[in-house]
Structures are given as C-alpha cells and as structure tokens.
Amino acid sequence: MTASFFDGSYGGDNAKIGSATRLECKICWHVYDPEEGDDYWQIPPGTSFAELPPHWSCPNCDGSRKDFMVIKDD
C-alpha cells in the first residue's frame, strides 16, 4: 500500500473490509454489494468483495478491484 491511494481506497487490503462491506468504483461509482453479488460476472449473492475471483473487475467500466473505495455505513 502506498500513499498514492485515496483515503478510503480498498487498495487490495482485505483487512480494511468485512464480509458485508460495500465498495464503490472510483471511476464510474458502481457499488458492489455482497448481498446482491454481480450478475455480469455471475457472482452469487452473499459473496464478499474479498472472495471475488482475481480476474473480477467493475462490471460497468472494467475498473480494477484495487481502485474501489470502501463505503462507510453510518
């Protein structure tokens, strides 16, 4: 992890997220919600972001997993 990541960026660090953490693409704002999974990549509901396959990318813009931002639930 480097200082070049935005505060709140996932950056590939699974320690920053839990099994129900939602993350948002910083390019197109697509939200990955583990409760919903991902129809495009055929990811079943209940799959945490950390469990996504290595080849997974944003289904809207092909943005990299490491560039997703952690959504803080208030």
N, C-alpha and C. Protein backbone atom coordinates (compact mmCIF):
# COMPACT_ATOMS: atom_id res chain seq x y z
N MET A 1 0.85 -1.17 0.00
CA MET A 1 0.00 0.00 0.00
C MET A 1 0.90 1.24 0.00
N THR A 2 0.55 2.18 -0.86
CA THR A 2 1.35 3.39 -0.94
C THR A 2 0.49 4.60 -0.64
N ALA A 3 1.14 5.72 -0.46
CA ALA A 3 0.43 6.96 -0.17
C ALA A 3 -0.37 7.46 -1.37
N SER A 4 -0.16 6.86 -2.55
CA SER A 4 -0.87 7.30 -3.74
C SER A 4 -2.34 6.89 -3.73
N PHE A 5 -2.72 5.97 -2.84
CA PHE A 5 -4.12 5.58 -2.75
C PHE A 5 -4.90 6.64 -2.00
N PHE A 6 -6.14 6.86 -2.44
CA PHE A 6 -7.02 7.78 -1.74
C PHE A 6 -7.35 7.21 -0.37
N ASP A 7 -7.57 8.10 0.58
CA ASP A 7 -8.05 7.67 1.89
C ASP A 7 -9.39 6.97 1.66
N GLY A 8 -9.53 5.78 2.17
CA GLY A 8 -10.75 5.01 1.97
C GLY A 8 -10.68 4.03 0.82
N SER A 9 -9.57 4.06 0.06
CA SER A 9 -9.40 3.10 -1.02
C SER A 9 -9.18 1.71 -0.46
N TYR A 10 -9.73 0.73 -1.15
CA TYR A 10 -9.52 -0.67 -0.79
C TYR A 10 -8.06 -1.04 -1.01
N GLY A 11 -7.53 -0.76 -2.18
CA GLY A 11 -6.12 -0.97 -2.48
C GLY A 11 -5.66 -2.42 -2.39
N GLY A 12 -6.59 -3.36 -2.37
CA GLY A 12 -6.23 -4.77 -2.26
C GLY A 12 -6.02 -5.26 -0.85
N ASP A 13 -6.31 -4.42 0.14
CA ASP A 13 -6.08 -4.76 1.54
C ASP A 13 -7.37 -5.30 2.17
N ASN A 14 -7.47 -6.63 2.25
CA ASN A 14 -8.68 -7.25 2.80
C ASN A 14 -8.90 -6.92 4.28
N ALA A 15 -7.88 -6.44 4.97
CA ALA A 15 -8.02 -6.06 6.37
C ALA A 15 -8.94 -4.84 6.54
N LYS A 16 -9.15 -4.09 5.46
CA LYS A 16 -9.98 -2.89 5.51
C LYS A 16 -11.47 -3.19 5.38
N ILE A 17 -11.82 -4.44 5.04
CA ILE A 17 -13.20 -4.74 4.75
C ILE A 17 -13.69 -5.97 5.51
N GLY A 18 -14.99 -6.04 5.70
CA GLY A 18 -15.62 -7.20 6.30
C GLY A 18 -16.42 -7.95 5.25
N SER A 19 -17.11 -8.99 5.68
CA SER A 19 -17.84 -9.83 4.74
C SER A 19 -19.04 -9.11 4.11
N ALA A 20 -19.56 -8.09 4.78
CA ALA A 20 -20.73 -7.37 4.26
C ALA A 20 -20.39 -5.97 3.75
N THR A 21 -19.11 -5.62 3.71
CA THR A 21 -18.71 -4.28 3.27
C THR A 21 -19.05 -4.05 1.82
N ARG A 22 -19.67 -2.89 1.55
CA ARG A 22 -19.96 -2.48 0.18
C ARG A 22 -18.82 -1.58 -0.28
N LEU A 23 -18.47 -1.70 -1.57
CA LEU A 23 -17.40 -0.89 -2.13
C LEU A 23 -17.89 -0.23 -3.42
N GLU A 24 -17.31 0.94 -3.72
CA GLU A 24 -17.74 1.75 -4.85
C GLU A 24 -16.57 2.00 -5.79
N CYS A 25 -16.81 1.82 -7.09
CA CYS A 25 -15.79 2.09 -8.09
C CYS A 25 -15.51 3.59 -8.13
N LYS A 26 -14.26 3.96 -8.06
CA LYS A 26 -13.94 5.39 -8.06
C LYS A 26 -13.98 5.99 -9.47
N ILE A 27 -14.18 5.16 -10.48
CA ILE A 27 -14.27 5.67 -11.85
C ILE A 27 -15.73 5.95 -12.24
N CYS A 28 -16.60 4.94 -12.06
CA CYS A 28 -17.99 5.08 -12.53
C CYS A 28 -19.02 5.06 -11.40
N TRP A 29 -18.60 4.88 -10.17
CA TRP A 29 -19.45 4.89 -8.98
C TRP A 29 -20.33 3.65 -8.84
N HIS A 30 -20.04 2.60 -9.58
CA HIS A 30 -20.77 1.35 -9.41
C HIS A 30 -20.51 0.82 -8.00
N VAL A 31 -21.56 0.37 -7.32
CA VAL A 31 -21.42 -0.17 -5.97
C VAL A 31 -21.49 -1.70 -6.03
N TYR A 32 -20.46 -2.35 -5.47
CA TYR A 32 -20.53 -3.80 -5.29
C TYR A 32 -21.10 -4.05 -3.90
N ASP A 33 -22.25 -4.72 -3.88
CA ASP A 33 -22.92 -5.05 -2.62
C ASP A 33 -22.90 -6.57 -2.47
N PRO A 34 -22.22 -7.09 -1.45
CA PRO A 34 -22.14 -8.54 -1.27
C PRO A 34 -23.51 -9.21 -1.18
N GLU A 35 -24.51 -8.51 -0.66
CA GLU A 35 -25.85 -9.09 -0.56
C GLU A 35 -26.45 -9.37 -1.93
N GLU A 36 -26.03 -8.60 -2.94
CA GLU A 36 -26.58 -8.75 -4.29
C GLU A 36 -25.70 -9.59 -5.21
N GLY A 37 -24.40 -9.65 -4.94
CA GLY A 37 -23.49 -10.33 -5.85
C GLY A 37 -23.32 -9.52 -7.12
N ASP A 38 -23.04 -10.18 -8.24
CA ASP A 38 -22.79 -9.49 -9.50
C ASP A 38 -23.29 -10.37 -10.65
N ASP A 39 -24.39 -9.98 -11.26
CA ASP A 39 -24.96 -10.75 -12.36
C ASP A 39 -24.01 -10.83 -13.56
N TYR A 40 -23.35 -9.73 -13.88
CA TYR A 40 -22.47 -9.69 -15.05
C TYR A 40 -21.38 -10.77 -14.97
N TRP A 41 -20.73 -10.87 -13.82
CA TRP A 41 -19.65 -11.84 -13.62
C TRP A 41 -20.16 -13.16 -13.03
N GLN A 42 -21.45 -13.29 -12.89
CA GLN A 42 -22.09 -14.48 -12.33
C GLN A 42 -21.57 -14.81 -10.92
N ILE A 43 -21.50 -13.76 -10.11
CA ILE A 43 -21.10 -13.88 -8.71
C ILE A 43 -22.37 -14.00 -7.87
N PRO A 44 -22.53 -15.08 -7.13
CA PRO A 44 -23.77 -15.26 -6.37
C PRO A 44 -23.90 -14.30 -5.19
N PRO A 45 -25.15 -13.97 -4.82
CA PRO A 45 -25.38 -13.16 -3.62
C PRO A 45 -24.70 -13.81 -2.42
N GLY A 46 -24.19 -12.96 -1.53
CA GLY A 46 -23.51 -13.45 -0.33
C GLY A 46 -22.00 -13.56 -0.49
N THR A 47 -21.48 -13.19 -1.67
CA THR A 47 -20.03 -13.25 -1.91
C THR A 47 -19.39 -11.93 -1.50
N SER A 48 -18.51 -11.99 -0.51
CA SER A 48 -17.84 -10.77 -0.06
C SER A 48 -16.86 -10.28 -1.13
N PHE A 49 -16.50 -9.02 -1.06
CA PHE A 49 -15.55 -8.44 -2.02
C PHE A 49 -14.21 -9.18 -1.97
N ALA A 50 -13.79 -9.59 -0.78
CA ALA A 50 -12.52 -10.31 -0.62
C ALA A 50 -12.55 -11.68 -1.30
N GLU A 51 -13.73 -12.24 -1.49
CA GLU A 51 -13.87 -13.56 -2.10
C GLU A 51 -14.03 -13.52 -3.62
N LEU A 52 -14.08 -12.33 -4.20
CA LEU A 52 -14.22 -12.23 -5.65
C LEU A 52 -13.00 -12.84 -6.34
N PRO A 53 -13.19 -13.44 -7.51
CA PRO A 53 -12.06 -14.05 -8.21
C PRO A 53 -11.04 -12.98 -8.64
N PRO A 54 -9.78 -13.37 -8.78
CA PRO A 54 -8.72 -12.41 -9.13
C PRO A 54 -8.97 -11.64 -10.43
N HIS A 55 -9.70 -12.26 -11.37
CA HIS A 55 -9.94 -11.60 -12.66
C HIS A 55 -11.11 -10.62 -12.62
N TRP A 56 -11.83 -10.54 -11.50
CA TRP A 56 -13.01 -9.68 -11.41
C TRP A 56 -12.60 -8.22 -11.57
N SER A 57 -13.43 -7.47 -12.30
CA SER A 57 -13.26 -6.03 -12.44
C SER A 57 -14.65 -5.40 -12.45
N CYS A 58 -14.72 -4.10 -12.39
CA CYS A 58 -16.00 -3.41 -12.37
C CYS A 58 -16.83 -3.82 -13.59
N PRO A 59 -18.07 -4.25 -13.37
CA PRO A 59 -18.89 -4.67 -14.50
C PRO A 59 -19.35 -3.52 -15.40
N ASN A 60 -19.22 -2.29 -14.93
CA ASN A 60 -19.63 -1.13 -15.74
C ASN A 60 -18.50 -0.55 -16.57
N CYS A 61 -17.30 -0.44 -15.97
CA CYS A 61 -16.22 0.28 -16.66
C CYS A 61 -14.92 -0.50 -16.72
N ASP A 62 -14.90 -1.72 -16.20
CA ASP A 62 -13.71 -2.57 -16.19
C ASP A 62 -12.62 -2.03 -15.25
N GLY A 63 -13.00 -1.17 -14.30
CA GLY A 63 -12.05 -0.65 -13.32
C GLY A 63 -11.48 -1.77 -12.45
N SER A 64 -10.28 -1.58 -12.00
CA SER A 64 -9.57 -2.57 -11.19
C SER A 64 -10.17 -2.69 -9.79
N ARG A 65 -10.14 -3.90 -9.25
CA ARG A 65 -10.62 -4.14 -7.88
C ARG A 65 -9.93 -3.24 -6.86
N LYS A 66 -8.62 -3.08 -7.00
CA LYS A 66 -7.86 -2.32 -6.01
C LYS A 66 -8.25 -0.84 -5.99
N ASP A 67 -8.90 -0.38 -7.04
CA ASP A 67 -9.29 1.02 -7.12
C ASP A 67 -10.68 1.30 -6.56
N PHE A 68 -11.32 0.29 -5.96
CA PHE A 68 -12.63 0.52 -5.35
C PHE A 68 -12.45 1.22 -4.00
N MET A 69 -13.46 1.97 -3.64
CA MET A 69 -13.45 2.72 -2.39
C MET A 69 -14.39 2.04 -1.39
N VAL A 70 -13.95 1.97 -0.14
CA VAL A 70 -14.76 1.37 0.92
C VAL A 70 -15.88 2.35 1.28
N ILE A 71 -17.11 1.86 1.30
CA ILE A 71 -18.26 2.67 1.71
C ILE A 71 -18.45 2.49 3.20
N LYS A 72 -18.35 3.57 3.92
CA LYS A 72 -18.54 3.55 5.38
C LYS A 72 -20.02 3.70 5.67
N ASP A 73 -20.61 2.71 6.31
CA ASP A 73 -22.01 2.82 6.72
C ASP A 73 -22.08 3.56 8.04
N ASP A 74 -22.95 4.57 8.06
CA ASP A 74 -23.07 5.38 9.29
C ASP A 74 -24.01 4.77 10.27
